[in-house]
Amino acid sequence: MRLTKSGITFTFVKYALLAGFALVVLLPIYLAVLGGFKSIGQLNVDPVGWPRPAYVENYVNIFVKSRFFLYLGNSLIVMAATVALDVVAAGLAGYALSRFDVKTKNLIYQYFLLGLLFPMTLAILPIYIQLRTFKLLDTYVGVILPQTAFLLPFHILIFKGFIRQIPGDLEDAVKIDGCGKMGFLFHVVIPLSRPAIATISVLAMVTSWNNFFLPLIILNDRDKYTLPMGSMDFVGQYLADWNIILAFFVICMAPAIAFYLYAQKHIVSGLAAGAVKG
């Protein structure tokens, strides 16, 4: 196949843009990794250059002298509860909106989609007031519930689009065998929705793992801090150990990046199958 001049130009522009986007993403990660191996003096004098010498103890001390494993356990608790609640709620809502004949289901669906228009920063004050009213401040539940609520609109969209693709004839065949709506859900919809479940689980895990703003507002007890908040242990009243903070951020990012790269095929397939046709 012979490329035309316009085709070559388009290919060049496409790859140039992709390289530019990759540089924007990878450069901060590169600087963070190198900064974690430097002293404060090296970081101030040459933030971009290679560390000479490399202070490996910056990374080692995070595991030995900080409360890293306590924060890790807190993050895992919040993440696991958020994923479980999000998958169940989004799955049931998506199933109901795609399979139940209710006159108001389109109105309910549009109501859910309105959640895509409101960022968490805009709603943090009423969220804080409600959590204080229900005495959920400084608790894991106070982080899990709002975090799940802001994940649900997009995930319901994915589930609804995915479940709608399941043929109606399959549901009729299941009814002949004596299964109702719930039997169809458990025996057919859930096994067939594994790509959508995997996609939503990964997105919820990465979002919960990286969430800093909501736990910062809700949690006061240091024993309940999540992993992103652990960086505040290295910030004093007048000075901050930025080299240790960068090393801490790199360690926090590594599991999320590794898991995201591992599960990217599920994410692409789930988004393509669900969100596009939803």
C-alpha atoms as a PDB file:
ATOM      1  CA  MET A   1       0.000   0.000   0.000  1.00  0.00           C
ATOM      2  CA  ARG A   2       1.496   3.301  -1.134  1.00  0.00           C
ATOM      3  CA  LEU A   3       1.175   6.335   1.107  1.00  0.00           C
ATOM      4  CA  THR A   4       0.315   9.697  -0.406  1.00  0.00           C
ATOM      5  CA  LYS A   5       1.964  12.936   0.607  1.00  0.00           C
ATOM      6  CA  SER A   6      -1.065  13.936   2.698  1.00  0.00           C
ATOM      7  CA  GLY A   7      -1.091  10.509   4.344  1.00  0.00           C
ATOM      8  CA  ILE A   8       2.582  10.829   5.300  1.00  0.00           C
ATOM      9  CA  THR A   9       1.956  14.305   6.694  1.00  0.00           C
ATOM     10  CA  PHE A  10      -1.010  13.096   8.734  1.00  0.00           C
ATOM     11  CA  THR A  11       1.008  10.167  10.131  1.00  0.00           C
ATOM     12  CA  PHE A  12       3.890  12.474  11.053  1.00  0.00           C
ATOM     13  CA  VAL A  13       1.578  14.954  12.807  1.00  0.00           C
ATOM     14  CA  LYS A  14      -0.196  12.126  14.635  1.00  0.00           C
ATOM     15  CA  TYR A  15       2.994  10.611  15.993  1.00  0.00           C
ATOM     16  CA  ALA A  16       4.417  14.044  16.816  1.00  0.00           C
ATOM     17  CA  LEU A  17       1.331  14.824  18.908  1.00  0.00           C
ATOM     18  CA  LEU A  18       1.504  11.428  20.611  1.00  0.00           C
ATOM     19  CA  ALA A  19       5.188  11.965  21.387  1.00  0.00           C
ATOM     20  CA  GLY A  20       4.380  15.394  22.810  1.00  0.00           C
ATOM     21  CA  PHE A  21       1.640  13.987  25.047  1.00  0.00           C
ATOM     22  CA  ALA A  22       3.945  11.171  26.175  1.00  0.00           C
ATOM     23  CA  LEU A  23       6.630  13.707  27.049  1.00  0.00           C
ATOM     24  CA  VAL A  24       4.179  15.762  29.096  1.00  0.00           C
ATOM     25  CA  VAL A  25       3.193  12.641  31.066  1.00  0.00           C
ATOM     26  CA  LEU A  26       6.600  11.011  31.424  1.00  0.00           C
ATOM     27  CA  LEU A  27       8.719  14.085  32.221  1.00  0.00           C
ATOM     28  CA  PRO A  28       7.196  14.701  35.685  1.00  0.00           C
ATOM     29  CA  ILE A  29       7.549  10.995  36.494  1.00  0.00           C
ATOM     30  CA  TYR A  30      11.193  11.101  35.392  1.00  0.00           C
ATOM     31  CA  LEU A  31      11.882  14.158  37.548  1.00  0.00           C
ATOM     32  CA  ALA A  32      10.112  12.592  40.534  1.00  0.00           C
ATOM     33  CA  VAL A  33      12.074   9.341  40.299  1.00  0.00           C
ATOM     34  CA  LEU A  34      15.416  11.154  40.035  1.00  0.00           C
ATOM     35  CA  GLY A  35      14.454  13.674  42.712  1.00  0.00           C
ATOM     36  CA  GLY A  36      13.850  10.833  45.142  1.00  0.00           C
ATOM     37  CA  PHE A  37      17.511   9.818  44.831  1.00  0.00           C
ATOM     38  CA  LYS A  38      18.838  13.306  45.532  1.00  0.00           C
ATOM     39  CA  SER A  39      19.619  15.359  48.593  1.00  0.00           C
ATOM     40  CA  ILE A  40      17.866  18.671  49.194  1.00  0.00           C
ATOM     41  CA  GLY A  41      20.957  20.500  47.959  1.00  0.00           C
ATOM     42  CA  GLN A  42      21.135  18.507  44.725  1.00  0.00           C
ATOM     43  CA  LEU A  43      17.428  19.013  44.169  1.00  0.00           C
ATOM     44  CA  ASN A  44      17.717  22.783  44.523  1.00  0.00           C
ATOM     45  CA  VAL A  45      20.850  23.130  42.391  1.00  0.00           C
ATOM     46  CA  ASP A  46      20.108  20.621  39.613  1.00  0.00           C
ATOM     47  CA  PRO A  47      16.505  19.290  39.665  1.00  0.00           C
ATOM     48  CA  VAL A  48      16.778  17.782  36.172  1.00  0.00           C
ATOM     49  CA  GLY A  49      20.244  16.223  36.180  1.00  0.00           C
ATOM     50  CA  TRP A  50      21.334  12.751  37.268  1.00  0.00           C
ATOM     51  CA  PRO A  51      21.904  12.360  41.039  1.00  0.00           C
ATOM     52  CA  ARG A  52      25.599  12.297  42.023  1.00  0.00           C
ATOM     53  CA  PRO A  53      25.762  10.501  44.373  1.00  0.00           C
ATOM     54  CA  ALA A  54      22.452   8.699  44.517  1.00  0.00           C
ATOM     55  CA  TYR A  55      20.810   8.607  47.959  1.00  0.00           C
ATOM     56  CA  VAL A  56      19.117   5.198  47.915  1.00  0.00           C
ATOM     57  CA  GLU A  57      18.348   5.563  51.621  1.00  0.00           C
ATOM     58  CA  ASN A  58      15.635   8.087  50.730  1.00  0.00           C
ATOM     59  CA  TYR A  59      13.527   5.222  49.396  1.00  0.00           C
ATOM     60  CA  VAL A  60      14.647   2.755  52.067  1.00  0.00           C
ATOM     61  CA  ASN A  61      13.757   5.074  54.943  1.00  0.00           C
ATOM     62  CA  ILE A  62      10.193   5.375  53.687  1.00  0.00           C
ATOM     63  CA  PHE A  63       9.668   1.696  54.436  1.00  0.00           C
ATOM     64  CA  VAL A  64      11.764   1.641  57.615  1.00  0.00           C
ATOM     65  CA  LYS A  65      11.208   4.980  59.365  1.00  0.00           C
ATOM     66  CA  SER A  66       7.795   6.163  58.164  1.00  0.00           C
ATOM     67  CA  ARG A  67       4.253   4.879  58.706  1.00  0.00           C
ATOM     68  CA  PHE A  68       4.077   3.668  55.129  1.00  0.00           C
ATOM     69  CA  PHE A  69       2.512   0.273  55.857  1.00  0.00           C
ATOM     70  CA  LEU A  70      -0.174   1.788  58.100  1.00  0.00           C
ATOM     71  CA  TYR A  71      -1.164   4.215  55.335  1.00  0.00           C
ATOM     72  CA  LEU A  72      -1.009   1.382  52.814  1.00  0.00           C
ATOM     73  CA  GLY A  73      -3.458  -0.679  54.860  1.00  0.00           C
ATOM     74  CA  ASN A  74      -5.832   2.289  55.174  1.00  0.00           C
ATOM     75  CA  SER A  75      -5.732   2.868  51.416  1.00  0.00           C
ATOM     76  CA  LEU A  76      -6.434  -0.799  50.733  1.00  0.00           C
ATOM     77  CA  ILE A  77      -9.470  -0.751  53.058  1.00  0.00           C
ATOM     78  CA  VAL A  78     -10.922   2.368  51.439  1.00  0.00           C
ATOM     79  CA  MET A  79     -10.146   1.122  47.934  1.00  0.00           C
ATOM     80  CA  ALA A  80     -11.653  -2.356  48.439  1.00  0.00           C
ATOM     81  CA  ALA A  81     -14.859  -0.973  49.953  1.00  0.00           C
ATOM     82  CA  THR A  82     -15.167   1.675  47.236  1.00  0.00           C
ATOM     83  CA  VAL A  83     -14.726  -0.850  44.425  1.00  0.00           C
ATOM     84  CA  ALA A  84     -17.201  -3.324  45.919  1.00  0.00           C
ATOM     85  CA  LEU A  85     -19.874  -0.698  46.573  1.00  0.00           C
ATOM     86  CA  ASP A  86     -19.334   0.967  43.208  1.00  0.00           C
ATOM     87  CA  VAL A  87     -19.556  -2.239  41.155  1.00  0.00           C
ATOM     88  CA  VAL A  88     -22.700  -3.449  42.950  1.00  0.00           C
ATOM     89  CA  ALA A  89     -24.519  -0.100  42.825  1.00  0.00           C
ATOM     90  CA  ALA A  90     -23.543   0.725  39.227  1.00  0.00           C
ATOM     91  CA  GLY A  91     -24.328  -2.811  38.056  1.00  0.00           C
ATOM     92  CA  LEU A  92     -27.794  -2.890  39.624  1.00  0.00           C
ATOM     93  CA  ALA A  93     -28.621   0.614  38.390  1.00  0.00           C
ATOM     94  CA  GLY A  94     -27.367  -0.149  34.878  1.00  0.00           C
ATOM     95  CA  TYR A  95     -29.362  -3.380  34.797  1.00  0.00           C
ATOM     96  CA  ALA A  96     -32.556  -1.697  35.995  1.00  0.00           C
ATOM     97  CA  LEU A  97     -32.226   1.195  33.553  1.00  0.00           C
ATOM     98  CA  SER A  98     -31.611  -1.097  30.579  1.00  0.00           C
ATOM     99  CA  ARG A  99     -34.013  -3.998  31.296  1.00  0.00           C
ATOM    100  CA  PHE A 100     -36.949  -2.708  33.334  1.00  0.00           C
ATOM    101  CA  ASP A 101     -39.836  -0.996  31.554  1.00  0.00           C
ATOM    102  CA  VAL A 102     -40.471   1.987  33.795  1.00  0.00           C
ATOM    103  CA  LYS A 103     -41.874   5.245  32.457  1.00  0.00           C
ATOM    104  CA  THR A 104     -39.496   7.397  34.452  1.00  0.00           C
ATOM    105  CA  LYS A 105     -36.315   5.445  33.712  1.00  0.00           C
ATOM    106  CA  ASN A 106     -35.059   7.976  31.146  1.00  0.00           C
ATOM    107  CA  LEU A 107     -35.593  10.762  33.663  1.00  0.00           C
ATOM    108  CA  ILE A 108     -33.714   8.764  36.313  1.00  0.00           C
ATOM    109  CA  TYR A 109     -30.929   8.073  33.820  1.00  0.00           C
ATOM    110  CA  GLN A 110     -30.582  11.760  32.982  1.00  0.00           C
ATOM    111  CA  TYR A 111     -30.517  12.528  36.704  1.00  0.00           C
ATOM    112  CA  PHE A 112     -27.577  10.176  37.142  1.00  0.00           C
ATOM    113  CA  LEU A 113     -25.794  11.725  34.169  1.00  0.00           C
ATOM    114  CA  LEU A 114     -26.054  15.162  35.774  1.00  0.00           C
ATOM    115  CA  GLY A 115     -23.456  13.892  38.211  1.00  0.00           C
ATOM    116  CA  LEU A 116     -20.894  14.065  35.401  1.00  0.00           C
ATOM    117  CA  LEU A 117     -21.241  17.855  35.356  1.00  0.00           C
ATOM    118  CA  PHE A 118     -20.327  18.465  38.994  1.00  0.00           C
ATOM    119  CA  PRO A 119     -16.716  18.057  40.182  1.00  0.00           C
ATOM    120  CA  MET A 120     -16.066  17.027  43.749  1.00  0.00           C
ATOM    121  CA  THR A 121     -14.443  20.369  44.559  1.00  0.00           C
ATOM    122  CA  LEU A 122     -17.747  22.125  43.850  1.00  0.00           C
ATOM    123  CA  ALA A 123     -19.722  19.858  46.177  1.00  0.00           C
ATOM    124  CA  ILE A 124     -17.195  19.468  48.994  1.00  0.00           C
ATOM    125  CA  LEU A 125     -18.896  21.974  51.341  1.00  0.00           C
ATOM    126  CA  PRO A 126     -22.378  20.340  51.296  1.00  0.00           C
ATOM    127  CA  ILE A 127     -20.704  16.928  51.487  1.00  0.00           C
ATOM    128  CA  TYR A 128     -18.779  18.022  54.566  1.00  0.00           C
ATOM    129  CA  ILE A 129     -21.942  19.388  56.206  1.00  0.00           C
ATOM    130  CA  GLN A 130     -23.876  16.175  55.521  1.00  0.00           C
ATOM    131  CA  LEU A 131     -21.076  13.985  56.836  1.00  0.00           C
ATOM    132  CA  ARG A 132     -20.851  16.110  59.971  1.00  0.00           C
ATOM    133  CA  THR A 133     -24.612  15.781  60.444  1.00  0.00           C
ATOM    134  CA  PHE A 134     -24.413  11.988  60.210  1.00  0.00           C
ATOM    135  CA  LYS A 135     -21.239  11.916  62.369  1.00  0.00           C
ATOM    136  CA  LEU A 136     -19.160  10.364  59.599  1.00  0.00           C
ATOM    137  CA  LEU A 137     -16.246  12.785  59.730  1.00  0.00           C
ATOM    138  CA  ASP A 138     -12.871  11.182  60.406  1.00  0.00           C
ATOM    139  CA  THR A 139     -14.158   7.745  59.375  1.00  0.00           C
ATOM    140  CA  TYR A 140     -13.484   5.450  56.442  1.00  0.00           C
ATOM    141  CA  VAL A 141     -17.205   5.487  55.585  1.00  0.00           C
ATOM    142  CA  GLY A 142     -17.086   9.265  55.253  1.00  0.00           C
ATOM    143  CA  VAL A 143     -14.501   8.845  52.485  1.00  0.00           C
ATOM    144  CA  ILE A 144     -15.977   5.742  50.832  1.00  0.00           C
ATOM    145  CA  LEU A 145     -19.554   6.995  50.326  1.00  0.00           C
ATOM    146  CA  PRO A 146     -18.803  10.347  48.573  1.00  0.00           C
ATOM    147  CA  GLN A 147     -15.996   8.747  46.585  1.00  0.00           C
ATOM    148  CA  THR A 148     -18.382   6.061  45.318  1.00  0.00           C
ATOM    149  CA  ALA A 149     -21.122   8.585  44.602  1.00  0.00           C
ATOM    150  CA  PHE A 150     -18.890  10.576  42.247  1.00  0.00           C
ATOM    151  CA  LEU A 151     -17.795   7.398  40.454  1.00  0.00           C
ATOM    152  CA  LEU A 152     -21.325   6.117  39.851  1.00  0.00           C
ATOM    153  CA  PRO A 153     -22.573   8.370  36.980  1.00  0.00           C
ATOM    154  CA  PHE A 154     -19.885   7.321  34.501  1.00  0.00           C
ATOM    155  CA  HIS A 155     -19.909   3.700  35.626  1.00  0.00           C
ATOM    156  CA  ILE A 156     -23.693   3.456  35.321  1.00  0.00           C
ATOM    157  CA  LEU A 157     -23.279   4.773  31.781  1.00  0.00           C
ATOM    158  CA  ILE A 158     -20.816   1.958  31.016  1.00  0.00           C
ATOM    159  CA  PHE A 159     -22.960  -0.759  32.588  1.00  0.00           C
ATOM    160  CA  LYS A 160     -26.166   0.409  30.911  1.00  0.00           C
ATOM    161  CA  GLY A 161     -24.577   0.476  27.474  1.00  0.00           C
ATOM    162  CA  PHE A 162     -22.995  -2.943  27.964  1.00  0.00           C
ATOM    163  CA  ILE A 163     -26.135  -4.666  29.282  1.00  0.00           C
ATOM    164  CA  ARG A 164     -28.276  -3.219  26.493  1.00  0.00           C
ATOM    165  CA  GLN A 165     -26.232  -5.211  24.001  1.00  0.00           C
ATOM    166  CA  ILE A 166     -27.342  -8.521  25.496  1.00  0.00           C
ATOM    167  CA  PRO A 167     -30.035  -9.833  23.101  1.00  0.00           C
ATOM    168  CA  GLY A 168     -33.628  -9.802  24.287  1.00  0.00           C
ATOM    169  CA  ASP A 169     -34.097 -13.284  22.829  1.00  0.00           C
ATOM    170  CA  LEU A 170     -31.639 -14.575  25.407  1.00  0.00           C
ATOM    171  CA  GLU A 171     -33.760 -13.127  28.188  1.00  0.00           C
ATOM    172  CA  ASP A 172     -36.895 -14.719  26.694  1.00  0.00           C
ATOM    173  CA  ALA A 173     -35.139 -18.076  26.571  1.00  0.00           C
ATOM    174  CA  VAL A 174     -34.192 -17.778  30.232  1.00  0.00           C
ATOM    175  CA  LYS A 175     -37.795 -16.934  31.135  1.00  0.00           C
ATOM    176  CA  ILE A 176     -38.942 -20.163  29.477  1.00  0.00           C
ATOM    177  CA  ASP A 177     -36.609 -22.039  31.835  1.00  0.00           C
ATOM    178  CA  GLY A 178     -38.324 -20.403  34.799  1.00  0.00           C
ATOM    179  CA  CYS A 179     -35.877 -17.565  35.594  1.00  0.00           C
ATOM    180  CA  GLY A 180     -37.170 -14.105  36.359  1.00  0.00           C
ATOM    181  CA  LYS A 181     -35.391 -10.769  36.172  1.00  0.00           C
ATOM    182  CA  MET A 182     -33.054 -11.559  39.045  1.00  0.00           C
ATOM    183  CA  GLY A 183     -32.287 -15.025  37.703  1.00  0.00           C
ATOM    184  CA  PHE A 184     -31.406 -13.493  34.349  1.00  0.00           C
ATOM    185  CA  LEU A 185     -29.147 -11.022  36.175  1.00  0.00           C
ATOM    186  CA  PHE A 186     -27.199 -13.618  38.147  1.00  0.00           C
ATOM    187  CA  HIS A 187     -27.036 -16.410  35.567  1.00  0.00           C
ATOM    188  CA  VAL A 188     -26.581 -14.425  32.334  1.00  0.00           C
ATOM    189  CA  VAL A 189     -25.868 -10.725  32.779  1.00  0.00           C
ATOM    190  CA  ILE A 190     -23.116 -10.967  35.400  1.00  0.00           C
ATOM    191  CA  PRO A 191     -21.090 -13.692  33.576  1.00  0.00           C
ATOM    192  CA  LEU A 192     -21.372 -11.792  30.274  1.00  0.00           C
ATOM    193  CA  SER A 193     -20.495  -8.452  31.889  1.00  0.00           C
ATOM    194  CA  ARG A 194     -17.024  -9.418  33.051  1.00  0.00           C
ATOM    195  CA  PRO A 195     -15.290  -6.894  30.710  1.00  0.00           C
ATOM    196  CA  ALA A 196     -17.482  -4.088  32.071  1.00  0.00           C
ATOM    197  CA  ILE A 197     -16.947  -5.231  35.665  1.00  0.00           C
ATOM    198  CA  ALA A 198     -13.185  -5.384  35.122  1.00  0.00           C
ATOM    199  CA  THR A 199     -13.151  -1.917  33.549  1.00  0.00           C
ATOM    200  CA  ILE A 200     -15.158  -0.310  36.324  1.00  0.00           C
ATOM    201  CA  SER A 201     -13.141  -2.076  39.017  1.00  0.00           C
ATOM    202  CA  VAL A 202      -9.851  -0.834  37.578  1.00  0.00           C
ATOM    203  CA  LEU A 203     -11.090   2.739  37.175  1.00  0.00           C
ATOM    204  CA  ALA A 204     -12.482   2.759  40.722  1.00  0.00           C
ATOM    205  CA  MET A 205      -9.266   1.279  42.140  1.00  0.00           C
ATOM    206  CA  VAL A 206      -7.005   3.833  40.470  1.00  0.00           C
ATOM    207  CA  THR A 207      -9.288   6.743  41.417  1.00  0.00           C
ATOM    208  CA  SER A 208      -9.518   5.656  45.049  1.00  0.00           C
ATOM    209  CA  TRP A 209      -5.785   4.957  45.261  1.00  0.00           C
ATOM    210  CA  ASN A 210      -4.845   8.427  43.974  1.00  0.00           C
ATOM    211  CA  ASN A 211      -7.534  10.406  45.805  1.00  0.00           C
ATOM    212  CA  PHE A 212      -5.959  13.052  48.019  1.00  0.00           C
ATOM    213  CA  PHE A 213      -8.485  15.884  48.245  1.00  0.00           C
ATOM    214  CA  LEU A 214     -11.444  14.066  49.826  1.00  0.00           C
ATOM    215  CA  PRO A 215      -9.462  12.220  52.555  1.00  0.00           C
ATOM    216  CA  LEU A 216      -7.665  15.488  53.303  1.00  0.00           C
ATOM    217  CA  ILE A 217     -11.004  17.164  54.086  1.00  0.00           C
ATOM    218  CA  ILE A 218     -12.624  14.245  55.922  1.00  0.00           C
ATOM    219  CA  LEU A 219      -9.813  12.603  57.908  1.00  0.00           C
ATOM    220  CA  ASN A 220      -8.105  14.214  60.900  1.00  0.00           C
ATOM    221  CA  ASP A 221      -6.654  11.215  62.723  1.00  0.00           C
ATOM    222  CA  ARG A 222      -3.200  10.394  61.349  1.00  0.00           C
ATOM    223  CA  ASP A 223      -3.781   6.715  62.067  1.00  0.00           C
ATOM    224  CA  LYS A 224      -6.528   6.766  59.412  1.00  0.00           C
ATOM    225  CA  TYR A 225      -4.585   8.628  56.724  1.00  0.00           C
ATOM    226  CA  THR A 226      -4.526   7.065  53.281  1.00  0.00           C
ATOM    227  CA  LEU A 227      -1.308   6.636  51.321  1.00  0.00           C
ATOM    228  CA  PRO A 228      -1.383   9.945  49.361  1.00  0.00           C
ATOM    229  CA  MET A 229      -1.824  11.833  52.638  1.00  0.00           C
ATOM    230  CA  GLY A 230       1.266  10.171  54.088  1.00  0.00           C
ATOM    231  CA  SER A 231       3.414  12.730  52.289  1.00  0.00           C
ATOM    232  CA  MET A 232       2.383  15.277  54.935  1.00  0.00           C
ATOM    233  CA  ASP A 233       4.601  13.447  57.432  1.00  0.00           C
ATOM    234  CA  PHE A 234       7.578  14.997  55.644  1.00  0.00           C
ATOM    235  CA  VAL A 235       6.269  18.568  55.698  1.00  0.00           C
ATOM    236  CA  GLY A 236       7.231  20.731  58.661  1.00  0.00           C
ATOM    237  CA  GLN A 237       6.120  24.185  59.719  1.00  0.00           C
ATOM    238  CA  TYR A 238       8.900  25.946  57.814  1.00  0.00           C
ATOM    239  CA  LEU A 239      10.612  23.315  55.668  1.00  0.00           C
ATOM    240  CA  ALA A 240       9.656  20.280  53.590  1.00  0.00           C
ATOM    241  CA  ASP A 241      11.830  17.308  52.662  1.00  0.00           C
ATOM    242  CA  TRP A 242      10.974  17.450  48.973  1.00  0.00           C
ATOM    243  CA  ASN A 243      13.384  14.684  48.057  1.00  0.00           C
ATOM    244  CA  ILE A 244      11.654  12.312  50.501  1.00  0.00           C
ATOM    245  CA  ILE A 245       8.232  13.498  49.341  1.00  0.00           C
ATOM    246  CA  LEU A 246       9.154  12.756  45.712  1.00  0.00           C
ATOM    247  CA  ALA A 247      10.401   9.297  46.688  1.00  0.00           C
ATOM    248  CA  PHE A 248       7.170   8.704  48.611  1.00  0.00           C
ATOM    249  CA  PHE A 249       5.065   9.760  45.611  1.00  0.00           C
ATOM    250  CA  VAL A 250       7.001   7.441  43.305  1.00  0.00           C
ATOM    251  CA  ILE A 251       6.384   4.480  45.627  1.00  0.00           C
ATOM    252  CA  CYS A 252       2.683   5.398  45.805  1.00  0.00           C
ATOM    253  CA  MET A 253       2.393   5.739  42.025  1.00  0.00           C
ATOM    254  CA  ALA A 254       4.156   2.501  41.166  1.00  0.00           C
ATOM    255  CA  PRO A 255       1.326   0.059  42.081  1.00  0.00           C
ATOM    256  CA  ALA A 256      -1.318   2.164  40.330  1.00  0.00           C
ATOM    257  CA  ILE A 257       0.743   2.497  37.141  1.00  0.00           C
ATOM    258  CA  ALA A 258       1.661  -1.196  37.110  1.00  0.00           C
ATOM    259  CA  PHE A 259      -1.911  -2.316  37.652  1.00  0.00           C
ATOM    260  CA  TYR A 260      -3.239   0.123  35.063  1.00  0.00           C
ATOM    261  CA  LEU A 261      -0.774  -1.125  32.447  1.00  0.00           C
ATOM    262  CA  TYR A 262      -1.672  -4.724  33.268  1.00  0.00           C
ATOM    263  CA  ALA A 263      -5.421  -4.100  32.964  1.00  0.00           C
ATOM    264  CA  GLN A 264      -5.448  -1.635  30.051  1.00  0.00           C
ATOM    265  CA  LYS A 265      -6.833  -4.238  27.622  1.00  0.00           C
ATOM    266  CA  HIS A 266      -9.853  -4.770  29.868  1.00  0.00           C
ATOM    267  CA  ILE A 267     -10.358  -1.026  30.157  1.00  0.00           C
ATOM    268  CA  VAL A 268     -10.292  -0.467  26.394  1.00  0.00           C
ATOM    269  CA  SER A 269     -12.595  -3.395  25.657  1.00  0.00           C
ATOM    270  CA  GLY A 270     -15.030  -2.442  28.399  1.00  0.00           C
ATOM    271  CA  LEU A 271     -15.229   1.211  27.384  1.00  0.00           C
ATOM    272  CA  ALA A 272     -15.587   0.330  23.700  1.00  0.00           C
ATOM    273  CA  ALA A 273     -18.327  -2.218  24.352  1.00  0.00           C
ATOM    274  CA  GLY A 274     -20.269  -0.209  26.916  1.00  0.00           C
ATOM    275  CA  ALA A 275     -19.830   3.535  26.796  1.00  0.00           C
ATOM    276  CA  VAL A 276     -19.858   3.991  23.015  1.00  0.00           C
ATOM    277  CA  LYS A 277     -23.203   2.315  22.471  1.00  0.00           C
ATOM    278  CA  GLY A 278     -24.766   3.296  25.803  1.00  0.00           C
END
